[in-house]
Amino acid sequence: MSRVCDVSGARRTVGGSIVRKGMAKKQGGIGTHVVKNNKRVFLPNLQKRRIYVPELDQWVILRITNKTLRSIQKNGAYKVLKEAKAKGTLTVKIPGI
């Protein structure tokens, strides 16, 4: 199972971490220098949650990011799921939406 949010479609992103070597000038060295740039992966903060949708009168199990969970708490599950379906990012089949 891939690490993708069922509602927002958030997935892993690739970035880099800079490696620096040397002693800082204020500590008596000649300064730090960038030596290399390592590739790394940023994973979404996925949570498996059981969410109740009162408009449909049913429970839905979703793998969603924490950011999406906060927007569901703020705007309501039905509205967020409806917008995700209109946007085309909803990957779970939910009857009534």
C-alpha atoms as a PDB file:
ATOM      1  CA  MET A   1       0.000   0.000   0.000  1.00  0.00           C
ATOM      2  CA  SER A   2       1.498   3.314  -1.048  1.00  0.00           C
ATOM      3  CA  ARG A   3       1.901   6.238   1.317  1.00  0.00           C
ATOM      4  CA  VAL A   4      -0.697   8.533  -0.245  1.00  0.00           C
ATOM      5  CA  CYS A   5      -3.484  10.479   1.474  1.00  0.00           C
ATOM      6  CA  ASP A   6      -6.939   9.184   0.450  1.00  0.00           C
ATOM      7  CA  VAL A   7      -8.440  12.682   0.443  1.00  0.00           C
ATOM      8  CA  SER A   8      -5.792  15.255  -0.473  1.00  0.00           C
ATOM      9  CA  GLY A   9      -3.537  13.007  -2.568  1.00  0.00           C
ATOM     10  CA  ALA A  10      -0.431  14.107  -0.620  1.00  0.00           C
ATOM     11  CA  ARG A  11       2.501  11.797  -1.300  1.00  0.00           C
ATOM     12  CA  ARG A  12       6.208  11.594  -0.567  1.00  0.00           C
ATOM     13  CA  THR A  13       8.442  14.406  -1.791  1.00  0.00           C
ATOM     14  CA  VAL A  14      12.155  14.304  -2.516  1.00  0.00           C
ATOM     15  CA  GLY A  15      14.542  16.929  -1.210  1.00  0.00           C
ATOM     16  CA  GLY A  16      18.058  17.308   0.065  1.00  0.00           C
ATOM     17  CA  SER A  17      19.972  17.773   3.264  1.00  0.00           C
ATOM     18  CA  ILE A  18      23.169  19.812   3.155  1.00  0.00           C
ATOM     19  CA  VAL A  19      26.265  18.354   4.841  1.00  0.00           C
ATOM     20  CA  ARG A  20      28.630  20.935   6.332  1.00  0.00           C
ATOM     21  CA  LYS A  21      32.110  20.298   7.731  1.00  0.00           C
ATOM     22  CA  GLY A  22      34.649  22.397   9.569  1.00  0.00           C
ATOM     23  CA  MET A  23      34.839  24.437  12.736  1.00  0.00           C
ATOM     24  CA  ALA A  24      32.968  27.725  12.984  1.00  0.00           C
ATOM     25  CA  LYS A  25      34.998  30.930  12.818  1.00  0.00           C
ATOM     26  CA  LYS A  26      33.820  32.131  16.220  1.00  0.00           C
ATOM     27  CA  GLN A  27      35.154  28.886  17.716  1.00  0.00           C
ATOM     28  CA  GLY A  28      38.602  29.461  16.228  1.00  0.00           C
ATOM     29  CA  GLY A  29      38.275  27.563  12.940  1.00  0.00           C
ATOM     30  CA  ILE A  30      38.380  28.673   9.339  1.00  0.00           C
ATOM     31  CA  GLY A  31      34.595  28.363   8.893  1.00  0.00           C
ATOM     32  CA  THR A  32      32.150  25.683   7.888  1.00  0.00           C
ATOM     33  CA  HIS A  33      31.971  24.585   4.257  1.00  0.00           C
ATOM     34  CA  VAL A  34      29.302  22.755   2.283  1.00  0.00           C
ATOM     35  CA  VAL A  35      30.721  19.349   1.435  1.00  0.00           C
ATOM     36  CA  LYS A  36      27.818  17.543  -0.246  1.00  0.00           C
ATOM     37  CA  ASN A  37      24.065  17.468  -0.710  1.00  0.00           C
ATOM     38  CA  ASN A  38      22.416  14.175   0.284  1.00  0.00           C
ATOM     39  CA  LYS A  39      19.064  13.175  -1.187  1.00  0.00           C
ATOM     40  CA  ARG A  40      16.335  12.375   1.282  1.00  0.00           C
ATOM     41  CA  VAL A  41      12.607  11.667   1.292  1.00  0.00           C
ATOM     42  CA  PHE A  42       9.915  13.624   3.135  1.00  0.00           C
ATOM     43  CA  LEU A  43       6.969  11.341   3.993  1.00  0.00           C
ATOM     44  CA  PRO A  44       3.429  12.606   4.684  1.00  0.00           C
ATOM     45  CA  ASN A  45       2.109  12.349   8.243  1.00  0.00           C
ATOM     46  CA  LEU A  46      -0.472   9.645   7.481  1.00  0.00           C
ATOM     47  CA  GLN A  47      -2.980   8.448  10.070  1.00  0.00           C
ATOM     48  CA  LYS A  48      -5.611   5.733   9.720  1.00  0.00           C
ATOM     49  CA  ARG A  49      -8.863   7.181  11.043  1.00  0.00           C
ATOM     50  CA  ARG A  50     -12.483   6.095  11.288  1.00  0.00           C
ATOM     51  CA  ILE A  51     -14.589   9.189  10.567  1.00  0.00           C
ATOM     52  CA  TYR A  52     -18.337   9.536  10.983  1.00  0.00           C
ATOM     53  CA  VAL A  53     -20.187  11.388   8.210  1.00  0.00           C
ATOM     54  CA  PRO A  54     -23.546  12.492   9.668  1.00  0.00           C
ATOM     55  CA  GLU A  55     -25.028  13.496   6.274  1.00  0.00           C
ATOM     56  CA  LEU A  56     -24.598   9.909   5.047  1.00  0.00           C
ATOM     57  CA  ASP A  57     -25.157   8.344   8.496  1.00  0.00           C
ATOM     58  CA  GLN A  58     -22.135   6.066   8.120  1.00  0.00           C
ATOM     59  CA  TRP A  59     -18.547   5.546   9.254  1.00  0.00           C
ATOM     60  CA  VAL A  60     -15.683   5.807   6.750  1.00  0.00           C
ATOM     61  CA  ILE A  61     -12.147   4.449   7.251  1.00  0.00           C
ATOM     62  CA  LEU A  62      -9.534   6.732   5.672  1.00  0.00           C
ATOM     63  CA  ARG A  63      -5.731   7.023   5.534  1.00  0.00           C
ATOM     64  CA  ILE A  64      -5.336  10.772   5.721  1.00  0.00           C
ATOM     65  CA  THR A  65      -2.645  13.291   6.588  1.00  0.00           C
ATOM     66  CA  ASN A  66      -2.820  15.217   9.823  1.00  0.00           C
ATOM     67  CA  LYS A  67      -3.404  18.410   7.816  1.00  0.00           C
ATOM     68  CA  THR A  68      -6.475  16.867   6.167  1.00  0.00           C
ATOM     69  CA  LEU A  69      -7.741  15.648   9.538  1.00  0.00           C
ATOM     70  CA  ARG A  70      -7.583  19.211  10.855  1.00  0.00           C
ATOM     71  CA  SER A  71      -9.518  20.533   7.851  1.00  0.00           C
ATOM     72  CA  ILE A  72     -12.159  17.805   8.394  1.00  0.00           C
ATOM     73  CA  GLN A  73     -12.535  18.913  12.018  1.00  0.00           C
ATOM     74  CA  LYS A  74     -12.851  22.539  10.919  1.00  0.00           C
ATOM     75  CA  ASN A  75     -15.110  22.244   7.844  1.00  0.00           C
ATOM     76  CA  GLY A  76     -16.866  18.912   8.353  1.00  0.00           C
ATOM     77  CA  ALA A  77     -16.270  15.505   6.780  1.00  0.00           C
ATOM     78  CA  TYR A  78     -18.984  15.701   4.125  1.00  0.00           C
ATOM     79  CA  LYS A  79     -17.813  19.055   2.753  1.00  0.00           C
ATOM     80  CA  VAL A  80     -14.135  18.023   2.610  1.00  0.00           C
ATOM     81  CA  LEU A  81     -14.935  14.681   0.934  1.00  0.00           C
ATOM     82  CA  LYS A  82     -17.249  16.391  -1.575  1.00  0.00           C
ATOM     83  CA  GLU A  83     -14.531  18.930  -2.509  1.00  0.00           C
ATOM     84  CA  ALA A  84     -11.953  16.142  -2.849  1.00  0.00           C
ATOM     85  CA  LYS A  85     -14.233  14.230  -5.221  1.00  0.00           C
ATOM     86  CA  ALA A  86     -14.816  17.371  -7.313  1.00  0.00           C
ATOM     87  CA  LYS A  87     -11.048  17.974  -7.424  1.00  0.00           C
ATOM     88  CA  GLY A  88     -10.395  14.340  -8.357  1.00  0.00           C
ATOM     89  CA  THR A  89      -8.122  13.477  -5.429  1.00  0.00           C
ATOM     90  CA  LEU A  90     -10.518  11.191  -3.520  1.00  0.00           C
ATOM     91  CA  THR A  91      -9.295   7.596  -3.949  1.00  0.00           C
ATOM     92  CA  VAL A  92     -11.855   5.805  -1.740  1.00  0.00           C
ATOM     93  CA  LYS A  93     -15.275   4.845  -3.058  1.00  0.00           C
ATOM     94  CA  ILE A  94     -17.917   6.273  -0.713  1.00  0.00           C
ATOM     95  CA  PRO A  95     -21.564   5.784  -1.732  1.00  0.00           C
ATOM     96  CA  GLY A  96     -23.516   9.036  -1.564  1.00  0.00           C
ATOM     97  CA  ILE A  97     -20.597  11.354  -2.323  1.00  0.00           C
END
